Amino acid sequence: VFGLDNNAPSLQVGRDRAEQAGLANAVFVDGSVEELAQLAADAKGSSGVVTAHPLAPVLQAQRCIVVGLHACGGLSDAMLSLAVGALGACLLCVTCCFNKHAHLRAAEARDQWWGLEPADGLRLAALCELHHAPEISTRAMQAVNSLRLQRAALAPEVRPRLLAFSPAFSPKNQVLCVAPRQAPMA
């Protein structure tokens, strides 16, 4: 189990909770999704050879489930790209804050928001943030997340699904779920 965050207090909470739970196989690394993406690109360019790097074990894992909670905006897109592409992993990502971290969207998607023209993407992302109109916000989030998963579905080796949990826990209650075709999926 690898925890990746660039927030030292969050990493320490993870370490403490893993220790309390007796999880000896949990490692928490200070880093970013950008670093992991760059490391994956470097490894791909060098025939899979990964240099000594704290994130290298993530790329060498035989089974990988990428989990993101409160993955704001482009972080959800970056996690989806990593899981589908470099890692060939399962993904469970609770999306959030659709207007943040646009720089993390995949390079081919930066000029277009999920296949939409930029102005339309900005309007749709703004609708996701309408806290005073939860029905509109929910439908806009479903549209954005469906467009994200449609991009993932272009990779024939994965099965994407959009899941949700009770809005009583959070109004941002949608989960991107991607699994390799050979993996069982609930």
C-alpha atoms as a PDB file:
ATOM      1  CA  VAL A   1       0.000   0.000   0.000  1.00  0.00           C
ATOM      2  CA  PHE A   2       1.453   3.322  -1.078  1.00  0.00           C
ATOM      3  CA  GLY A   3       0.080   6.621   0.177  1.00  0.00           C
ATOM      4  CA  LEU A   4       1.064   9.573  -1.999  1.00  0.00           C
ATOM      5  CA  ASP A   5       0.516  13.154  -0.933  1.00  0.00           C
ATOM      6  CA  ASN A   6       2.445  16.392  -0.855  1.00  0.00           C
ATOM      7  CA  ASN A   7       0.987  17.357   2.508  1.00  0.00           C
ATOM      8  CA  ALA A   8       3.287  16.246   5.348  1.00  0.00           C
ATOM      9  CA  PRO A   9       0.609  16.343   8.100  1.00  0.00           C
ATOM     10  CA  SER A  10      -1.722  14.157   5.988  1.00  0.00           C
ATOM     11  CA  LEU A  11       1.077  11.663   5.417  1.00  0.00           C
ATOM     12  CA  GLN A  12       1.793  11.507   9.144  1.00  0.00           C
ATOM     13  CA  VAL A  13      -1.886  10.861   9.909  1.00  0.00           C
ATOM     14  CA  GLY A  14      -1.783   8.011   7.370  1.00  0.00           C
ATOM     15  CA  ARG A  15       1.362   6.554   8.925  1.00  0.00           C
ATOM     16  CA  ASP A  16      -0.109   6.791  12.427  1.00  0.00           C
ATOM     17  CA  ARG A  17      -3.385   5.148  11.405  1.00  0.00           C
ATOM     18  CA  ALA A  18      -1.608   2.387   9.506  1.00  0.00           C
ATOM     19  CA  GLU A  19       0.538   1.688  12.559  1.00  0.00           C
ATOM     20  CA  GLN A  20      -2.509   1.669  14.851  1.00  0.00           C
ATOM     21  CA  ALA A  21      -4.204  -0.804  12.495  1.00  0.00           C
ATOM     22  CA  GLY A  22      -1.106  -2.988  12.385  1.00  0.00           C
ATOM     23  CA  LEU A  23      -0.565  -2.522   8.645  1.00  0.00           C
ATOM     24  CA  ALA A  24       3.089  -3.294   8.069  1.00  0.00           C
ATOM     25  CA  ASN A  25       2.810  -3.042   4.264  1.00  0.00           C
ATOM     26  CA  ALA A  26       1.758   0.631   4.123  1.00  0.00           C
ATOM     27  CA  VAL A  27       4.289   3.177   2.872  1.00  0.00           C
ATOM     28  CA  PHE A  28       3.528   6.895   2.733  1.00  0.00           C
ATOM     29  CA  VAL A  29       5.564   8.974   0.295  1.00  0.00           C
ATOM     30  CA  ASP A  30       5.851  12.725  -0.006  1.00  0.00           C
ATOM     31  CA  GLY A  31       5.274  13.394  -3.683  1.00  0.00           C
ATOM     32  CA  SER A  32       2.785  14.458  -6.306  1.00  0.00           C
ATOM     33  CA  VAL A  33       0.819  12.878  -9.104  1.00  0.00           C
ATOM     34  CA  GLU A  34       2.941  14.966 -11.471  1.00  0.00           C
ATOM     35  CA  GLU A  35       6.114  13.318 -10.158  1.00  0.00           C
ATOM     36  CA  LEU A  36       4.564   9.874 -10.510  1.00  0.00           C
ATOM     37  CA  ALA A  37       3.420  10.647 -14.069  1.00  0.00           C
ATOM     38  CA  GLN A  38       6.911  11.879 -14.991  1.00  0.00           C
ATOM     39  CA  LEU A  39       8.521   8.812 -13.436  1.00  0.00           C
ATOM     40  CA  ALA A  40       6.112   6.581 -15.391  1.00  0.00           C
ATOM     41  CA  ALA A  41       6.953   8.418 -18.624  1.00  0.00           C
ATOM     42  CA  ASP A  42      10.685   8.096 -17.914  1.00  0.00           C
ATOM     43  CA  ALA A  43      10.288   4.371 -17.203  1.00  0.00           C
ATOM     44  CA  LYS A  44       8.310   3.864 -20.395  1.00  0.00           C
ATOM     45  CA  GLY A  45      10.984   5.708 -22.388  1.00  0.00           C
ATOM     46  CA  SER A  46      13.758   3.577 -20.893  1.00  0.00           C
ATOM     47  CA  SER A  47      12.168   0.156 -21.508  1.00  0.00           C
ATOM     48  CA  GLY A  48      10.640  -0.033 -18.055  1.00  0.00           C
ATOM     49  CA  VAL A  49      13.808   0.707 -16.113  1.00  0.00           C
ATOM     50  CA  VAL A  50      12.980   2.849 -13.102  1.00  0.00           C
ATOM     51  CA  THR A  51      15.713   4.734 -11.321  1.00  0.00           C
ATOM     52  CA  ALA A  52      16.043   4.766  -7.555  1.00  0.00           C
ATOM     53  CA  HIS A  53      13.167   6.990  -6.537  1.00  0.00           C
ATOM     54  CA  PRO A  54      10.766   6.842  -3.575  1.00  0.00           C
ATOM     55  CA  LEU A  55       7.867   6.359  -6.034  1.00  0.00           C
ATOM     56  CA  ALA A  56       9.547   3.578  -8.059  1.00  0.00           C
ATOM     57  CA  PRO A  57       7.835   0.764  -6.084  1.00  0.00           C
ATOM     58  CA  VAL A  58       4.435   2.089  -7.197  1.00  0.00           C
ATOM     59  CA  LEU A  59       5.369   1.463 -10.833  1.00  0.00           C
ATOM     60  CA  GLN A  60       6.787  -1.974 -10.009  1.00  0.00           C
ATOM     61  CA  ALA A  61       3.697  -3.209  -8.145  1.00  0.00           C
ATOM     62  CA  GLN A  62       2.024  -6.157  -9.845  1.00  0.00           C
ATOM     63  CA  ARG A  63      -1.395  -5.182  -8.575  1.00  0.00           C
ATOM     64  CA  CYS A  64      -2.339  -1.616  -8.026  1.00  0.00           C
ATOM     65  CA  ILE A  65      -5.509   0.120  -6.918  1.00  0.00           C
ATOM     66  CA  VAL A  66      -5.368   3.897  -7.160  1.00  0.00           C
ATOM     67  CA  VAL A  67      -7.676   5.536  -4.623  1.00  0.00           C
ATOM     68  CA  GLY A  68      -8.365   9.240  -4.492  1.00  0.00           C
ATOM     69  CA  LEU A  69     -10.543  10.984  -1.945  1.00  0.00           C
ATOM     70  CA  HIS A  70     -11.421  14.616  -2.568  1.00  0.00           C
ATOM     71  CA  ALA A  71      -9.442  14.549  -5.821  1.00  0.00           C
ATOM     72  CA  CYS A  72      -9.995  18.136  -6.907  1.00  0.00           C
ATOM     73  CA  GLY A  73     -10.522  18.937 -10.583  1.00  0.00           C
ATOM     74  CA  GLY A  74      -7.544  18.021 -12.726  1.00  0.00           C
ATOM     75  CA  LEU A  75      -6.244  15.667 -10.032  1.00  0.00           C
ATOM     76  CA  SER A  76      -9.122  13.308 -10.895  1.00  0.00           C
ATOM     77  CA  ASP A  77      -8.155  13.524 -14.576  1.00  0.00           C
ATOM     78  CA  ALA A  78      -4.470  12.890 -13.797  1.00  0.00           C
ATOM     79  CA  MET A  79      -5.305   9.887 -11.602  1.00  0.00           C
ATOM     80  CA  LEU A  80      -7.541   8.478 -14.315  1.00  0.00           C
ATOM     81  CA  SER A  81      -4.797   8.879 -16.932  1.00  0.00           C
ATOM     82  CA  LEU A  82      -2.223   7.232 -14.682  1.00  0.00           C
ATOM     83  CA  ALA A  83      -4.464   4.328 -13.739  1.00  0.00           C
ATOM     84  CA  VAL A  84      -5.543   3.604 -17.302  1.00  0.00           C
ATOM     85  CA  GLY A  85      -2.160   4.273 -18.881  1.00  0.00           C
ATOM     86  CA  ALA A  86       1.107   3.903 -17.012  1.00  0.00           C
ATOM     87  CA  LEU A  87      -0.048   1.816 -14.080  1.00  0.00           C
ATOM     88  CA  GLY A  88      -2.659  -0.417 -15.712  1.00  0.00           C
ATOM     89  CA  ALA A  89      -4.411  -0.197 -12.371  1.00  0.00           C
ATOM     90  CA  CYS A  90      -7.842  -0.204 -10.864  1.00  0.00           C
ATOM     91  CA  LEU A  91      -9.089   3.243  -9.891  1.00  0.00           C
ATOM     92  CA  LEU A  92     -11.562   4.453  -7.307  1.00  0.00           C
ATOM     93  CA  CYS A  93     -11.624   8.236  -7.318  1.00  0.00           C
ATOM     94  CA  VAL A  94     -14.070  10.478  -5.468  1.00  0.00           C
ATOM     95  CA  THR A  95     -14.143  13.601  -7.624  1.00  0.00           C
ATOM     96  CA  CYS A  96     -14.430  17.093  -6.212  1.00  0.00           C
ATOM     97  CA  CYS A  97     -14.001  20.798  -6.980  1.00  0.00           C
ATOM     98  CA  PHE A  98     -14.258  20.623 -10.768  1.00  0.00           C
ATOM     99  CA  ASN A  99     -12.553  23.965 -11.479  1.00  0.00           C
ATOM    100  CA  LYS A 100      -9.278  23.324  -9.647  1.00  0.00           C
ATOM    101  CA  HIS A 101      -5.911  22.051 -10.886  1.00  0.00           C
ATOM    102  CA  ALA A 102      -6.574  22.346 -14.627  1.00  0.00           C
ATOM    103  CA  HIS A 103      -2.804  22.010 -15.181  1.00  0.00           C
ATOM    104  CA  LEU A 104      -3.053  18.353 -14.095  1.00  0.00           C
ATOM    105  CA  ARG A 105      -5.354  17.305 -16.915  1.00  0.00           C
ATOM    106  CA  ALA A 106      -3.604  15.227 -19.551  1.00  0.00           C
ATOM    107  CA  ALA A 107      -1.694  17.314 -22.081  1.00  0.00           C
ATOM    108  CA  GLU A 108      -4.096  16.402 -24.892  1.00  0.00           C
ATOM    109  CA  ALA A 109      -7.050  17.523 -22.752  1.00  0.00           C
ATOM    110  CA  ARG A 110      -5.693  20.845 -21.444  1.00  0.00           C
ATOM    111  CA  ASP A 111      -7.096  22.922 -24.277  1.00  0.00           C
ATOM    112  CA  GLN A 112     -10.397  21.117 -24.175  1.00  0.00           C
ATOM    113  CA  TRP A 113     -12.346  20.170 -21.095  1.00  0.00           C
ATOM    114  CA  TRP A 114     -13.271  16.502 -21.400  1.00  0.00           C
ATOM    115  CA  GLY A 115     -13.696  16.803 -25.176  1.00  0.00           C
ATOM    116  CA  LEU A 116     -15.625  20.079 -24.965  1.00  0.00           C
ATOM    117  CA  GLU A 117     -14.622  23.486 -26.181  1.00  0.00           C
ATOM    118  CA  PRO A 118     -12.963  25.455 -23.348  1.00  0.00           C
ATOM    119  CA  ALA A 119     -15.862  27.868 -22.824  1.00  0.00           C
ATOM    120  CA  ASP A 120     -18.354  25.003 -22.636  1.00  0.00           C
ATOM    121  CA  GLY A 121     -16.096  23.087 -20.267  1.00  0.00           C
ATOM    122  CA  LEU A 122     -15.775  26.088 -17.977  1.00  0.00           C
ATOM    123  CA  ARG A 123     -19.559  26.547 -17.928  1.00  0.00           C
ATOM    124  CA  LEU A 124     -20.149  22.861 -17.194  1.00  0.00           C
ATOM    125  CA  ALA A 125     -17.519  22.875 -14.425  1.00  0.00           C
ATOM    126  CA  ALA A 126     -19.191  25.961 -12.928  1.00  0.00           C
ATOM    127  CA  LEU A 127     -22.524  24.122 -12.872  1.00  0.00           C
ATOM    128  CA  CYS A 128     -20.855  21.337 -10.869  1.00  0.00           C
ATOM    129  CA  GLU A 129     -20.143  23.881  -8.146  1.00  0.00           C
ATOM    130  CA  LEU A 130     -23.732  25.175  -7.737  1.00  0.00           C
ATOM    131  CA  HIS A 131     -24.112  24.270  -4.064  1.00  0.00           C
ATOM    132  CA  HIS A 132     -27.452  26.106  -3.843  1.00  0.00           C
ATOM    133  CA  ALA A 133     -28.888  23.964  -6.689  1.00  0.00           C
ATOM    134  CA  PRO A 134     -27.966  20.357  -5.863  1.00  0.00           C
ATOM    135  CA  GLU A 135     -30.052  18.814  -8.666  1.00  0.00           C
ATOM    136  CA  ILE A 136     -28.254  20.876 -11.310  1.00  0.00           C
ATOM    137  CA  SER A 137     -24.881  20.303  -9.654  1.00  0.00           C
ATOM    138  CA  THR A 138     -25.433  16.526  -9.521  1.00  0.00           C
ATOM    139  CA  ARG A 139     -26.400  16.348 -13.196  1.00  0.00           C
ATOM    140  CA  ALA A 140     -23.416  18.477 -14.210  1.00  0.00           C
ATOM    141  CA  MET A 141     -21.071  16.263 -12.150  1.00  0.00           C
ATOM    142  CA  GLN A 142     -22.577  13.193 -13.822  1.00  0.00           C
ATOM    143  CA  ALA A 143     -21.970  14.758 -17.231  1.00  0.00           C
ATOM    144  CA  VAL A 144     -18.334  15.659 -16.485  1.00  0.00           C
ATOM    145  CA  ASN A 145     -17.568  12.303 -14.896  1.00  0.00           C
ATOM    146  CA  SER A 146     -19.248  10.442 -17.763  1.00  0.00           C
ATOM    147  CA  LEU A 147     -17.119  12.411 -20.237  1.00  0.00           C
ATOM    148  CA  ARG A 148     -14.010  11.526 -18.206  1.00  0.00           C
ATOM    149  CA  LEU A 149     -14.924   7.845 -18.263  1.00  0.00           C
ATOM    150  CA  GLN A 150     -15.753   7.999 -21.966  1.00  0.00           C
ATOM    151  CA  ARG A 151     -12.123   9.038 -22.561  1.00  0.00           C
ATOM    152  CA  ALA A 152     -10.978   6.110 -20.399  1.00  0.00           C
ATOM    153  CA  ALA A 153     -13.214   3.727 -22.350  1.00  0.00           C
ATOM    154  CA  LEU A 154     -11.127   4.444 -25.450  1.00  0.00           C
ATOM    155  CA  ALA A 155      -8.575   2.086 -23.907  1.00  0.00           C
ATOM    156  CA  PRO A 156     -10.004  -1.356 -24.764  1.00  0.00           C
ATOM    157  CA  GLU A 157      -8.331  -3.021 -21.787  1.00  0.00           C
ATOM    158  CA  VAL A 158     -10.400  -1.195 -19.159  1.00  0.00           C
ATOM    159  CA  ARG A 159     -14.002  -1.112 -17.958  1.00  0.00           C
ATOM    160  CA  PRO A 160     -15.133   2.267 -16.616  1.00  0.00           C
ATOM    161  CA  ARG A 161     -18.131   2.853 -14.355  1.00  0.00           C
ATOM    162  CA  LEU A 162     -19.563   5.811 -12.510  1.00  0.00           C
ATOM    163  CA  LEU A 163     -20.677   5.002  -8.976  1.00  0.00           C
ATOM    164  CA  ALA A 164     -22.194   7.137  -6.240  1.00  0.00           C
ATOM    165  CA  PHE A 165     -22.645   7.012  -2.489  1.00  0.00           C
ATOM    166  CA  SER A 166     -25.193   8.741  -0.296  1.00  0.00           C
ATOM    167  CA  PRO A 167     -25.114  12.545  -0.574  1.00  0.00           C
ATOM    168  CA  ALA A 168     -25.609  12.550   3.210  1.00  0.00           C
ATOM    169  CA  PHE A 169     -21.836  11.961   3.431  1.00  0.00           C
ATOM    170  CA  SER A 170     -20.917  14.555   0.798  1.00  0.00           C
ATOM    171  CA  PRO A 171     -22.672  16.392  -2.043  1.00  0.00           C
ATOM    172  CA  LYS A 172     -19.593  15.491  -4.133  1.00  0.00           C
ATOM    173  CA  ASN A 173     -20.598  11.838  -3.976  1.00  0.00           C
ATOM    174  CA  GLN A 174     -19.518  10.452  -7.332  1.00  0.00           C
ATOM    175  CA  VAL A 175     -16.816   7.846  -7.806  1.00  0.00           C
ATOM    176  CA  LEU A 176     -14.873   7.130 -10.977  1.00  0.00           C
ATOM    177  CA  CYS A 177     -14.285   3.393 -11.090  1.00  0.00           C
ATOM    178  CA  VAL A 178     -11.982   1.805 -13.657  1.00  0.00           C
ATOM    179  CA  ALA A 179     -10.808  -1.789 -13.672  1.00  0.00           C
ATOM    180  CA  PRO A 180      -8.771  -3.852 -16.104  1.00  0.00           C
ATOM    181  CA  ARG A 181     -11.083  -6.076 -18.163  1.00  0.00           C
ATOM    182  CA  GLN A 182      -9.680  -9.254 -16.597  1.00  0.00           C
ATOM    183  CA  ALA A 183     -10.329  -7.988 -13.027  1.00  0.00           C
ATOM    184  CA  PRO A 184     -13.696  -8.672 -11.355  1.00  0.00           C
ATOM    185  CA  MET A 185     -15.825  -5.597 -10.867  1.00  0.00           C
ATOM    186  CA  ALA A 186     -18.751  -5.168  -8.475  1.00  0.00           C
END
